[in-house]
């Protein structure tokens, strides 16, 4: 999608601090981090939310989650714990409508958030 911020990151038209890349995913640092480690993992293909991705391509969703685990390992938070969050819809806090997994860690993450 030409007006999607994350599609523009994938295409290189918008800069981002890339952490990892695979053939089908890109991981980059959140510009408004909510924890010491806050990385977004997105598919290169546009899907508006996690439900749409699951319905369209379950294998890509699985790869997105594998990449989230690799990000956690690369950031050194896999042993202490981390959270993977998908916000779906505006009321859930989704502001960019291109599915993305938030990988959060590096401090205690109390539940429930917000």
PDB file of N, CA and C in Angstrom:
ATOM      1  N   UNK A   1       0.852  -1.189   0.000  1.00  0.00           N
ATOM      2  CA  UNK A   1       0.000   0.000   0.000  1.00  0.00           C
ATOM      3  C   UNK A   1       0.889   1.241   0.000  1.00  0.00           C
ATOM      4  N   UNK A   2       0.606   2.164  -0.850  1.00  0.00           N
ATOM      5  CA  UNK A   2       1.475   3.321  -1.010  1.00  0.00           C
ATOM      6  C   UNK A   2       1.396   4.306   0.141  1.00  0.00           C
ATOM      7  N   UNK A   3       0.306   4.326   0.904  1.00  0.00           N
ATOM      8  CA  UNK A   3       0.180   5.278   2.002  1.00  0.00           C
ATOM      9  C   UNK A   3       0.472   4.660   3.367  1.00  0.00           C
ATOM     10  N   UNK A   4       0.931   3.425   3.417  1.00  0.00           N
ATOM     11  CA  UNK A   4       1.191   2.720   4.669  1.00  0.00           C
ATOM     12  C   UNK A   4       2.622   2.993   5.143  1.00  0.00           C
ATOM     13  N   UNK A   5       2.760   3.516   6.353  1.00  0.00           N
ATOM     14  CA  UNK A   5       4.074   3.818   6.909  1.00  0.00           C
ATOM     15  C   UNK A   5       4.981   2.593   6.916  1.00  0.00           C
ATOM     16  N   UNK A   6       4.458   1.443   7.349  1.00  0.00           N
ATOM     17  CA  UNK A   6       5.303   0.261   7.441  1.00  0.00           C
ATOM     18  C   UNK A   6       5.665  -0.294   6.060  1.00  0.00           C
ATOM     19  N   UNK A   7       4.782  -0.158   5.093  1.00  0.00           N
ATOM     20  CA  UNK A   7       5.138  -0.536   3.722  1.00  0.00           C
ATOM     21  C   UNK A   7       6.275   0.352   3.210  1.00  0.00           C
ATOM     22  N   UNK A   8       6.269   1.621   3.608  1.00  0.00           N
ATOM     23  CA  UNK A   8       7.335   2.532   3.215  1.00  0.00           C
ATOM     24  C   UNK A   8       8.655   2.174   3.891  1.00  0.00           C
ATOM     25  N   UNK A   9       8.603   1.662   5.115  1.00  0.00           N
ATOM     26  CA  UNK A   9       9.817   1.178   5.774  1.00  0.00           C
ATOM     27  C   UNK A   9      10.348  -0.037   5.034  1.00  0.00           C
ATOM     28  N   UNK A  10       9.450  -0.963   4.678  1.00  0.00           N
ATOM     29  CA  UNK A  10       9.854  -2.169   3.937  1.00  0.00           C
ATOM     30  C   UNK A  10      10.532  -1.786   2.617  1.00  0.00           C
ATOM     31  N   UNK A  11       9.975  -0.804   1.919  1.00  0.00           N
ATOM     32  CA  UNK A  11      10.521  -0.408   0.618  1.00  0.00           C
ATOM     33  C   UNK A  11      11.777   0.451   0.737  1.00  0.00           C
ATOM     34  N   UNK A  12      12.082   0.928   1.940  1.00  0.00           N
ATOM     35  CA  UNK A  12      13.249   1.779   2.132  1.00  0.00           C
ATOM     36  C   UNK A  12      12.973   3.249   1.947  1.00  0.00           C
ATOM     37  N   UNK A  13      11.713   3.616   1.701  1.00  0.00           N
ATOM     38  CA  UNK A  13      11.360   5.017   1.501  1.00  0.00           C
ATOM     39  C   UNK A  13      11.327   5.799   2.809  1.00  0.00           C
ATOM     40  N   UNK A  14      11.144   5.109   3.936  1.00  0.00           N
ATOM     41  CA  UNK A  14      11.171   5.728   5.262  1.00  0.00           C
ATOM     42  C   UNK A  14      12.253   5.004   6.063  1.00  0.00           C
ATOM     43  N   UNK A  15      13.182   5.752   6.663  1.00  0.00           N
ATOM     44  CA  UNK A  15      14.251   5.094   7.416  1.00  0.00           C
ATOM     45  C   UNK A  15      13.743   4.494   8.726  1.00  0.00           C
ATOM     46  N   UNK A  16      14.420   3.446   9.165  1.00  0.00           N
ATOM     47  CA  UNK A  16      14.130   2.803  10.446  1.00  0.00           C
ATOM     48  C   UNK A  16      15.412   2.158  10.938  1.00  0.00           C
ATOM     49  N   UNK A  17      15.503   1.955  12.233  1.00  0.00           N
ATOM     50  CA  UNK A  17      16.655   1.261  12.827  1.00  0.00           C
ATOM     51  C   UNK A  17      16.372  -0.237  12.770  1.00  0.00           C
ATOM     52  N   UNK A  18      16.816  -0.862  11.695  1.00  0.00           N
ATOM     53  CA  UNK A  18      16.551  -2.277  11.433  1.00  0.00           C
ATOM     54  C   UNK A  18      17.375  -3.137  12.400  1.00  0.00           C
ATOM     55  N   UNK A  19      16.690  -4.118  13.001  1.00  0.00           N
ATOM     56  CA  UNK A  19      17.320  -5.056  13.932  1.00  0.00           C
ATOM     57  C   UNK A  19      17.575  -6.391  13.246  1.00  0.00           C
ATOM     58  N   UNK A  20      16.607  -6.865  12.470  1.00  0.00           N
ATOM     59  CA  UNK A  20      16.694  -8.151  11.761  1.00  0.00           C
ATOM     60  C   UNK A  20      15.879  -8.048  10.485  1.00  0.00           C
ATOM     61  N   UNK A  21      16.256  -8.871   9.506  1.00  0.00           N
ATOM     62  CA  UNK A  21      15.468  -9.008   8.285  1.00  0.00           C
ATOM     63  C   UNK A  21      15.489 -10.460   7.857  1.00  0.00           C
ATOM     64  N   UNK A  22      14.384 -10.903   7.302  1.00  0.00           N
ATOM     65  CA  UNK A  22      14.332 -12.199   6.633  1.00  0.00           C
ATOM     66  C   UNK A  22      13.696 -11.941   5.267  1.00  0.00           C
ATOM     67  N   UNK A  23      13.539 -12.986   4.494  1.00  0.00           N
ATOM     68  CA  UNK A  23      12.915 -12.816   3.179  1.00  0.00           C
ATOM     69  C   UNK A  23      11.503 -12.261   3.293  1.00  0.00           C
ATOM     70  N   UNK A  24      10.808 -12.590   4.404  1.00  0.00           N
ATOM     71  CA  UNK A  24       9.393 -12.212   4.518  1.00  0.00           C
ATOM     72  C   UNK A  24       9.080 -11.257   5.657  1.00  0.00           C
ATOM     73  N   UNK A  25      10.092 -10.899   6.486  1.00  0.00           N
ATOM     74  CA  UNK A  25       9.832 -10.030   7.635  1.00  0.00           C
ATOM     75  C   UNK A  25      10.928  -8.978   7.792  1.00  0.00           C
ATOM     76  N   UNK A  26      10.579  -7.935   8.543  1.00  0.00           N
ATOM     77  CA  UNK A  26      11.531  -6.890   8.921  1.00  0.00           C
ATOM     78  C   UNK A  26      11.258  -6.570  10.390  1.00  0.00           C
ATOM     79  N   UNK A  27      12.327  -6.412  11.163  1.00  0.00           N
ATOM     80  CA  UNK A  27      12.204  -6.020  12.568  1.00  0.00           C
ATOM     81  C   UNK A  27      12.977  -4.726  12.773  1.00  0.00           C
ATOM     82  N   UNK A  28      12.349  -3.765  13.453  1.00  0.00           N
ATOM     83  CA  UNK A  28      12.986  -2.465  13.658  1.00  0.00           C
ATOM     84  C   UNK A  28      12.560  -1.882  14.998  1.00  0.00           C
ATOM     85  N   UNK A  29      13.366  -0.965  15.518  1.00  0.00           N
ATOM     86  CA  UNK A  29      13.103  -0.351  16.815  1.00  0.00           C
ATOM     87  C   UNK A  29      11.893   0.580  16.735  1.00  0.00           C
ATOM     88  N   UNK A  30      11.053   0.511  17.771  1.00  0.00           N
ATOM     89  CA  UNK A  30       9.899   1.407  17.866  1.00  0.00           C
ATOM     90  C   UNK A  30      10.395   2.828  18.118  1.00  0.00           C
ATOM     91  N   UNK A  31       9.789   3.818  17.470  1.00  0.00           N
ATOM     92  CA  UNK A  31      10.227   5.207  17.657  1.00  0.00           C
ATOM     93  C   UNK A  31       9.723   5.800  18.972  1.00  0.00           C
ATOM     94  N   UNK A  32       8.788   5.120  19.635  1.00  0.00           N
ATOM     95  CA  UNK A  32       8.263   5.566  20.929  1.00  0.00           C
ATOM     96  C   UNK A  32       8.301   4.378  21.890  1.00  0.00           C
ATOM     97  N   UNK A  33       9.500   3.951  22.303  1.00  0.00           N
ATOM     98  CA  UNK A  33       9.618   2.710  23.072  1.00  0.00           C
ATOM     99  C   UNK A  33       8.915   2.770  24.423  1.00  0.00           C
ATOM    100  N   UNK A  34       8.260   1.649  24.757  1.00  0.00           N
ATOM    101  CA  UNK A  34       7.551   1.515  26.017  1.00  0.00           C
ATOM    102  C   UNK A  34       8.311   0.643  27.008  1.00  0.00           C
ATOM    103  N   UNK A  35       9.485   0.180  26.629  1.00  0.00           N
ATOM    104  CA  UNK A  35      10.350  -0.640  27.470  1.00  0.00           C
ATOM    105  C   UNK A  35      11.767  -0.476  26.930  1.00  0.00           C
ATOM    106  N   UNK A  36      12.785  -0.859  27.719  1.00  0.00           N
ATOM    107  CA  UNK A  36      14.157  -0.738  27.217  1.00  0.00           C
ATOM    108  C   UNK A  36      14.365  -1.444  25.873  1.00  0.00           C
ATOM    109  N   UNK A  37      13.744  -2.586  25.691  1.00  0.00           N
ATOM    110  CA  UNK A  37      13.714  -3.228  24.375  1.00  0.00           C
ATOM    111  C   UNK A  37      12.296  -3.130  23.848  1.00  0.00           C
ATOM    112  N   UNK A  38      12.124  -2.502  22.712  1.00  0.00           N
ATOM    113  CA  UNK A  38      10.812  -2.391  22.061  1.00  0.00           C
ATOM    114  C   UNK A  38      11.065  -2.411  20.563  1.00  0.00           C
ATOM    115  N   UNK A  39      10.865  -3.587  19.994  1.00  0.00           N
ATOM    116  CA  UNK A  39      11.118  -3.809  18.570  1.00  0.00           C
ATOM    117  C   UNK A  39       9.818  -4.260  17.917  1.00  0.00           C
ATOM    118  N   UNK A  40       9.545  -3.753  16.732  1.00  0.00           N
ATOM    119  CA  UNK A  40       8.390  -4.173  15.955  1.00  0.00           C
ATOM    120  C   UNK A  40       8.844  -5.174  14.899  1.00  0.00           C
ATOM    121  N   UNK A  41       8.081  -6.246  14.768  1.00  0.00           N
ATOM    122  CA  UNK A  41       8.343  -7.245  13.733  1.00  0.00           C
ATOM    123  C   UNK A  41       7.147  -7.244  12.796  1.00  0.00           C
ATOM    124  N   UNK A  42       7.396  -7.015  11.508  1.00  0.00           N
ATOM    125  CA  UNK A  42       6.316  -6.899  10.533  1.00  0.00           C
ATOM    126  C   UNK A  42       6.569  -7.822   9.348  1.00  0.00           C
ATOM    127  N   UNK A  43       5.500  -8.252   8.692  1.00  0.00           N
ATOM    128  CA  UNK A  43       5.688  -8.949   7.419  1.00  0.00           C
ATOM    129  C   UNK A  43       5.962  -7.924   6.320  1.00  0.00           C
ATOM    130  N   UNK A  44       6.712  -8.323   5.333  1.00  0.00           N
ATOM    131  CA  UNK A  44       6.946  -7.436   4.191  1.00  0.00           C
ATOM    132  C   UNK A  44       5.643  -7.206   3.417  1.00  0.00           C
ATOM    133  N   UNK A  45       4.787  -8.224   3.376  1.00  0.00           N
ATOM    134  CA  UNK A  45       3.486  -8.092   2.718  1.00  0.00           C
ATOM    135  C   UNK A  45       2.523  -7.349   3.630  1.00  0.00           C
ATOM    136  N   UNK A  46       1.668  -6.549   3.028  1.00  0.00           N
ATOM    137  CA  UNK A  46       0.705  -5.773   3.809  1.00  0.00           C
ATOM    138  C   UNK A  46      -0.502  -6.632   4.201  1.00  0.00           C
ATOM    139  N   UNK A  47      -0.762  -6.663   5.495  1.00  0.00           N
ATOM    140  CA  UNK A  47      -1.982  -7.232   6.070  1.00  0.00           C
ATOM    141  C   UNK A  47      -2.387  -6.248   7.158  1.00  0.00           C
ATOM    142  N   UNK A  48      -3.651  -5.849   7.234  1.00  0.00           N
ATOM    143  CA  UNK A  48      -4.039  -4.781   8.159  1.00  0.00           C
ATOM    144  C   UNK A  48      -3.929  -5.125   9.639  1.00  0.00           C
ATOM    145  N   UNK A  49      -4.073  -6.393  10.003  1.00  0.00           N
ATOM    146  CA  UNK A  49      -4.003  -6.768  11.418  1.00  0.00           C
ATOM    147  C   UNK A  49      -3.707  -8.257  11.531  1.00  0.00           C
ATOM    148  N   UNK A  50      -3.516  -8.733  12.751  1.00  0.00           N
ATOM    149  CA  UNK A  50      -3.111 -10.123  12.961  1.00  0.00           C
ATOM    150  C   UNK A  50      -4.208 -11.100  12.548  1.00  0.00           C
ATOM    151  N   UNK A  51      -5.461 -10.741  12.719  1.00  0.00           N
ATOM    152  CA  UNK A  51      -6.551 -11.632  12.308  1.00  0.00           C
ATOM    153  C   UNK A  51      -6.548 -11.810  10.786  1.00  0.00           C
ATOM    154  N   UNK A  52      -6.342 -10.722  10.063  1.00  0.00           N
ATOM    155  CA  UNK A  52      -6.289 -10.803   8.598  1.00  0.00           C
ATOM    156  C   UNK A  52      -5.084 -11.626   8.156  1.00  0.00           C
ATOM    157  N   UNK A  53      -3.945 -11.461   8.814  1.00  0.00           N
ATOM    158  CA  UNK A  53      -2.768 -12.254   8.470  1.00  0.00           C
ATOM    159  C   UNK A  53      -3.011 -13.729   8.743  1.00  0.00           C
ATOM    160  N   UNK A  54      -3.582 -14.056   9.887  1.00  0.00           N
ATOM    161  CA  UNK A  54      -3.850 -15.459  10.231  1.00  0.00           C
ATOM    162  C   UNK A  54      -4.768 -16.103   9.207  1.00  0.00           C
ATOM    163  N   UNK A  55      -5.773 -15.369   8.748  1.00  0.00           N
ATOM    164  CA  UNK A  55      -6.716 -15.905   7.762  1.00  0.00           C
ATOM    165  C   UNK A  55      -6.055 -16.069   6.390  1.00  0.00           C
ATOM    166  N   UNK A  56      -5.132 -15.176   6.059  1.00  0.00           N
ATOM    167  CA  UNK A  56      -4.538 -15.191   4.722  1.00  0.00           C
ATOM    168  C   UNK A  56      -3.302 -16.079   4.605  1.00  0.00           C
ATOM    169  N   UNK A  57      -2.498 -16.155   5.670  1.00  0.00           N
ATOM    170  CA  UNK A  57      -1.210 -16.830   5.542  1.00  0.00           C
ATOM    171  C   UNK A  57      -0.699 -17.261   6.918  1.00  0.00           C
ATOM    172  N   UNK A  58      -1.173 -18.390   7.398  1.00  0.00           N
ATOM    173  CA  UNK A  58      -0.794 -18.893   8.722  1.00  0.00           C
ATOM    174  C   UNK A  58       0.712 -19.144   8.819  1.00  0.00           C
ATOM    175  N   UNK A  59       1.335 -19.557   7.723  1.00  0.00           N
ATOM    176  CA  UNK A  59       2.775 -19.792   7.745  1.00  0.00           C
ATOM    177  C   UNK A  59       3.549 -18.501   7.972  1.00  0.00           C
ATOM    178  N   UNK A  60       3.102 -17.408   7.380  1.00  0.00           N
ATOM    179  CA  UNK A  60       3.754 -16.125   7.586  1.00  0.00           C
ATOM    180  C   UNK A  60       3.568 -15.660   9.032  1.00  0.00           C
ATOM    181  N   UNK A  61       2.403 -15.896   9.597  1.00  0.00           N
ATOM    182  CA  UNK A  61       2.181 -15.553  11.005  1.00  0.00           C
ATOM    183  C   UNK A  61       3.155 -16.336  11.892  1.00  0.00           C
ATOM    184  N   UNK A  62       3.330 -17.609  11.615  1.00  0.00           N
ATOM    185  CA  UNK A  62       4.274 -18.420  12.383  1.00  0.00           C
ATOM    186  C   UNK A  62       5.694 -17.875  12.227  1.00  0.00           C
ATOM    187  N   UNK A  63       6.054 -17.474  11.020  1.00  0.00           N
ATOM    188  CA  UNK A  63       7.391 -16.906  10.804  1.00  0.00           C
ATOM    189  C   UNK A  63       7.561 -15.604  11.575  1.00  0.00           C
ATOM    190  N   UNK A  64       6.511 -14.784  11.617  1.00  0.00           N
ATOM    191  CA  UNK A  64       6.557 -13.537  12.366  1.00  0.00           C
ATOM    192  C   UNK A  64       6.843 -13.816  13.843  1.00  0.00           C
ATOM    193  N   UNK A  65       6.210 -14.845  14.387  1.00  0.00           N
ATOM    194  CA  UNK A  65       6.439 -15.197  15.787  1.00  0.00           C
ATOM    195  C   UNK A  65       7.833 -15.786  15.999  1.00  0.00           C
ATOM    196  N   UNK A  66       8.313 -16.582  15.054  1.00  0.00           N
ATOM    197  CA  UNK A  66       9.687 -17.090  15.152  1.00  0.00           C
ATOM    198  C   UNK A  66      10.679 -15.932  15.146  1.00  0.00           C
ATOM    199  N   UNK A  67      10.458 -14.971  14.282  1.00  0.00           N
ATOM    200  CA  UNK A  67      11.339 -13.803  14.213  1.00  0.00           C
ATOM    201  C   UNK A  67      11.280 -13.000  15.509  1.00  0.00           C
ATOM    202  N   UNK A  68      10.100 -12.902  16.123  1.00  0.00           N
ATOM    203  CA  UNK A  68       9.989 -12.215  17.419  1.00  0.00           C
ATOM    204  C   UNK A  68      10.884 -12.906  18.445  1.00  0.00           C
ATOM    205  N   UNK A  69      10.899 -14.226  18.451  1.00  0.00           N
ATOM    206  CA  UNK A  69      11.774 -14.970  19.345  1.00  0.00           C
ATOM    207  C   UNK A  69      13.243 -14.728  19.043  1.00  0.00           C
ATOM    208  N   UNK A  70      13.586 -14.628  17.768  1.00  0.00           N
ATOM    209  CA  UNK A  70      14.969 -14.348  17.382  1.00  0.00           C
ATOM    210  C   UNK A  70      15.377 -12.930  17.795  1.00  0.00           C
ATOM    211  N   UNK A  71      14.444 -11.993  17.688  1.00  0.00           N
ATOM    212  CA  UNK A  71      14.722 -10.628  18.147  1.00  0.00           C
ATOM    213  C   UNK A  71      15.007 -10.654  19.653  1.00  0.00           C
ATOM    214  N   UNK A  72      14.163 -11.349  20.414  1.00  0.00           N
ATOM    215  CA  UNK A  72      14.356 -11.433  21.870  1.00  0.00           C
ATOM    216  C   UNK A  72      15.727 -12.027  22.188  1.00  0.00           C
ATOM    217  N   UNK A  73      16.111 -13.079  21.488  1.00  0.00           N
ATOM    218  CA  UNK A  73      17.420 -13.686  21.714  1.00  0.00           C
ATOM    219  C   UNK A  73      18.538 -12.703  21.366  1.00  0.00           C
ATOM    220  N   UNK A  74      18.402 -12.037  20.244  1.00  0.00           N
ATOM    221  CA  UNK A  74      19.414 -11.075  19.818  1.00  0.00           C
ATOM    222  C   UNK A  74      19.555  -9.887  20.750  1.00  0.00           C
ATOM    223  N   UNK A  75      18.464  -9.529  21.399  1.00  0.00           N
ATOM    224  CA  UNK A  75      18.464  -8.409  22.330  1.00  0.00           C
ATOM    225  C   UNK A  75      18.858  -8.843  23.745  1.00  0.00           C
ATOM    226  N   UNK A  76      19.028 -10.161  23.943  1.00  0.00           N
ATOM    227  CA  UNK A  76      19.438 -10.676  25.242  1.00  0.00           C
ATOM    228  C   UNK A  76      18.344 -10.706  26.294  1.00  0.00           C
ATOM    229  N   UNK A  77      17.079 -10.733  25.858  1.00  0.00           N
ATOM    230  CA  UNK A  77      15.969 -10.759  26.820  1.00  0.00           C
ATOM    231  C   UNK A  77      15.223 -12.080  26.828  1.00  0.00           C
ATOM    232  N   UNK A  78      15.697 -13.038  26.036  1.00  0.00           N
ATOM    233  CA  UNK A  78      14.999 -14.318  25.974  1.00  0.00           C
ATOM    234  C   UNK A  78      15.112 -15.089  27.287  1.00  0.00           C
ATOM    235  N   UNK A  79      16.166 -14.890  28.034  1.00  0.00           N
ATOM    236  CA  UNK A  79      16.325 -15.604  29.302  1.00  0.00           C
ATOM    237  C   UNK A  79      15.600 -14.963  30.466  1.00  0.00           C
ATOM    238  N   UNK A  80      15.389 -13.662  30.408  1.00  0.00           N
ATOM    239  CA  UNK A  80      14.733 -12.953  31.516  1.00  0.00           C
ATOM    240  C   UNK A  80      13.240 -12.788  31.313  1.00  0.00           C
ATOM    241  N   UNK A  81      12.803 -12.889  30.072  1.00  0.00           N
ATOM    242  CA  UNK A  81      11.379 -12.772  29.764  1.00  0.00           C
ATOM    243  C   UNK A  81      11.085 -11.571  28.887  1.00  0.00           C
ATOM    244  N   UNK A  82      10.081 -11.760  28.060  1.00  0.00           N
ATOM    245  CA  UNK A  82       9.661 -10.698  27.145  1.00  0.00           C
ATOM    246  C   UNK A  82       8.200 -10.914  26.799  1.00  0.00           C
ATOM    247  N   UNK A  83       7.605  -9.906  26.229  1.00  0.00           N
ATOM    248  CA  UNK A  83       6.199  -9.958  25.826  1.00  0.00           C
ATOM    249  C   UNK A  83       6.117  -9.712  24.331  1.00  0.00           C
ATOM    250  N   UNK A  84       5.213 -10.432  23.661  1.00  0.00           N
ATOM    251  CA  UNK A  84       4.896 -10.204  22.250  1.00  0.00           C
ATOM    252  C   UNK A  84       3.440  -9.781  22.214  1.00  0.00           C
ATOM    253  N   UNK A  85       3.183  -8.592  21.661  1.00  0.00           N
ATOM    254  CA  UNK A  85       1.838  -8.018  21.673  1.00  0.00           C
ATOM    255  C   UNK A  85       1.417  -7.647  20.266  1.00  0.00           C
ATOM    256  N   UNK A  86       0.189  -8.008  19.906  1.00  0.00           N
ATOM    257  CA  UNK A  86      -0.450  -7.542  18.678  1.00  0.00           C
ATOM    258  C   UNK A  86      -1.639  -6.682  19.085  1.00  0.00           C
ATOM    259  N   UNK A  87      -1.653  -5.416  18.702  1.00  0.00           N
ATOM    260  CA  UNK A  87      -2.828  -4.572  18.896  1.00  0.00           C
ATOM    261  C   UNK A  87      -3.666  -4.672  17.623  1.00  0.00           C
ATOM    262  N   UNK A  88      -4.942  -4.964  17.793  1.00  0.00           N
ATOM    263  CA  UNK A  88      -5.824  -5.118  16.633  1.00  0.00           C
ATOM    264  C   UNK A  88      -6.995  -4.167  16.777  1.00  0.00           C
ATOM    265  N   UNK A  89      -7.002  -3.128  15.970  1.00  0.00           N
ATOM    266  CA  UNK A  89      -8.064  -2.141  15.986  1.00  0.00           C
ATOM    267  C   UNK A  89      -7.692  -0.918  16.804  1.00  0.00           C
ATOM    268  N   UNK A  90      -8.324   0.196  16.473  1.00  0.00           N
ATOM    269  CA  UNK A  90      -8.018   1.476  17.112  1.00  0.00           C
ATOM    270  C   UNK A  90      -8.248   1.448  18.620  1.00  0.00           C
ATOM    271  N   UNK A  91      -9.319   0.803  19.083  1.00  0.00           N
ATOM    272  CA  UNK A  91      -9.586   0.776  20.523  1.00  0.00           C
ATOM    273  C   UNK A  91      -8.549  -0.043  21.279  1.00  0.00           C
ATOM    274  N   UNK A  92      -7.839  -0.912  20.598  1.00  0.00           N
ATOM    275  CA  UNK A  92      -6.774  -1.698  21.230  1.00  0.00           C
ATOM    276  C   UNK A  92      -5.429  -0.978  21.155  1.00  0.00           C
ATOM    277  N   UNK A  93      -5.392   0.166  20.511  1.00  0.00           N
ATOM    278  CA  UNK A  93      -4.159   0.941  20.422  1.00  0.00           C
ATOM    279  C   UNK A  93      -3.414   0.807  19.110  1.00  0.00           C
ATOM    280  N   UNK A  94      -3.996   0.112  18.128  1.00  0.00           N
ATOM    281  CA  UNK A  94      -3.327   0.003  16.835  1.00  0.00           C
ATOM    282  C   UNK A  94      -3.398   1.349  16.132  1.00  0.00           C
ATOM    283  N   UNK A  95      -2.241   1.900  15.767  1.00  0.00           N
ATOM    284  CA  UNK A  95      -2.199   3.200  15.088  1.00  0.00           C
ATOM    285  C   UNK A  95      -1.706   3.090  13.650  1.00  0.00           C
ATOM    286  N   UNK A  96      -0.964   2.026  13.341  1.00  0.00           N
ATOM    287  CA  UNK A  96      -0.547   1.749  11.962  1.00  0.00           C
ATOM    288  C   UNK A  96      -1.222   0.447  11.572  1.00  0.00           C
ATOM    289  N   UNK A  97      -2.023   0.493  10.527  1.00  0.00           N
ATOM    290  CA  UNK A  97      -2.842  -0.659  10.156  1.00  0.00           C
ATOM    291  C   UNK A  97      -2.128  -1.552   9.143  1.00  0.00           C
ATOM    292  N   UNK A  98      -0.962  -1.998   9.582  1.00  0.00           N
ATOM    293  CA  UNK A  98      -0.126  -3.015   8.943  1.00  0.00           C
ATOM    294  C   UNK A  98       0.285  -3.889  10.121  1.00  0.00           C
ATOM    295  N   UNK A  99      -0.093  -5.156  10.100  1.00  0.00           N
ATOM    296  CA  UNK A  99       0.127  -6.016  11.262  1.00  0.00           C
ATOM    297  C   UNK A  99       1.570  -5.902  11.749  1.00  0.00           C
ATOM    298  N   UNK A 100       1.723  -5.813  13.065  1.00  0.00           N
ATOM    299  CA  UNK A 100       3.052  -5.752  13.659  1.00  0.00           C
ATOM    300  C   UNK A 100       3.020  -6.329  15.064  1.00  0.00           C
ATOM    301  N   UNK A 101       4.065  -7.086  15.365  1.00  0.00           N
ATOM    302  CA  UNK A 101       4.241  -7.651  16.693  1.00  0.00           C
ATOM    303  C   UNK A 101       5.205  -6.756  17.457  1.00  0.00           C
ATOM    304  N   UNK A 102       4.785  -6.338  18.646  1.00  0.00           N
ATOM    305  CA  UNK A 102       5.666  -5.595  19.541  1.00  0.00           C
ATOM    306  C   UNK A 102       6.431  -6.612  20.383  1.00  0.00           C
ATOM    307  N   UNK A 103       7.748  -6.543  20.383  1.00  0.00           N
ATOM    308  CA  UNK A 103       8.578  -7.357  21.264  1.00  0.00           C
ATOM    309  C   UNK A 103       9.094  -6.418  22.343  1.00  0.00           C
ATOM    310  N   UNK A 104       8.643  -6.672  23.580  1.00  0.00           N
ATOM    311  CA  UNK A 104       8.944  -5.780  24.701  1.00  0.00           C
ATOM    312  C   UNK A 104       9.680  -6.537  25.793  1.00  0.00           C
ATOM    313  N   UNK A 105      10.685  -5.909  26.378  1.00  0.00           N
ATOM    314  CA  UNK A 105      11.394  -6.534  27.486  1.00  0.00           C
ATOM    315  C   UNK A 105      12.470  -5.617  28.016  1.00  0.00           C
ATOM    316  N   UNK A 106      13.277  -6.177  28.904  1.00  0.00           N
ATOM    317  CA  UNK A 106      14.363  -5.407  29.488  1.00  0.00           C
ATOM    318  C   UNK A 106      14.019  -4.775  30.816  1.00  0.00           C
ATOM    319  N   UNK A 107      12.806  -5.006  31.289  1.00  0.00           N
ATOM    320  CA  UNK A 107      12.353  -4.548  32.607  1.00  0.00           C
ATOM    321  C   UNK A 107      11.157  -5.398  32.985  1.00  0.00           C
ATOM    322  N   UNK A 108      10.731  -5.312  34.233  1.00  0.00           N
ATOM    323  CA  UNK A 108       9.507  -5.996  34.641  1.00  0.00           C
ATOM    324  C   UNK A 108       8.317  -5.439  33.882  1.00  0.00           C
ATOM    325  N   UNK A 109       7.470  -6.314  33.414  1.00  0.00           N
ATOM    326  CA  UNK A 109       6.280  -5.904  32.655  1.00  0.00           C
ATOM    327  C   UNK A 109       5.053  -6.345  33.437  1.00  0.00           C
ATOM    328  N   UNK A 110       4.517  -5.435  34.217  1.00  0.00           N
ATOM    329  CA  UNK A 110       3.359  -5.752  35.042  1.00  0.00           C
ATOM    330  C   UNK A 110       2.118  -5.995  34.196  1.00  0.00           C
ATOM    331  N   UNK A 111       1.244  -6.835  34.701  1.00  0.00           N
ATOM    332  CA  UNK A 111      -0.007  -7.127  34.019  1.00  0.00           C
ATOM    333  C   UNK A 111      -1.152  -6.826  34.958  1.00  0.00           C
ATOM    334  N   UNK A 112      -2.239  -6.262  34.528  1.00  0.00           N
ATOM    335  CA  UNK A 112      -2.529  -5.865  33.143  1.00  0.00           C
ATOM    336  C   UNK A 112      -1.923  -4.510  32.810  1.00  0.00           C
ATOM    337  N   UNK A 113      -1.598  -4.319  31.530  1.00  0.00           N
ATOM    338  CA  UNK A 113      -1.087  -3.013  31.117  1.00  0.00           C
ATOM    339  C   UNK A 113      -2.226  -2.012  31.045  1.00  0.00           C
ATOM    340  N   UNK A 114      -1.867  -0.747  31.086  1.00  0.00           N
ATOM    341  CA  UNK A 114      -2.829   0.337  30.892  1.00  0.00           C
ATOM    342  C   UNK A 114      -3.913   0.347  31.811  1.00  0.00           C
TER     343      UNK A 114
END
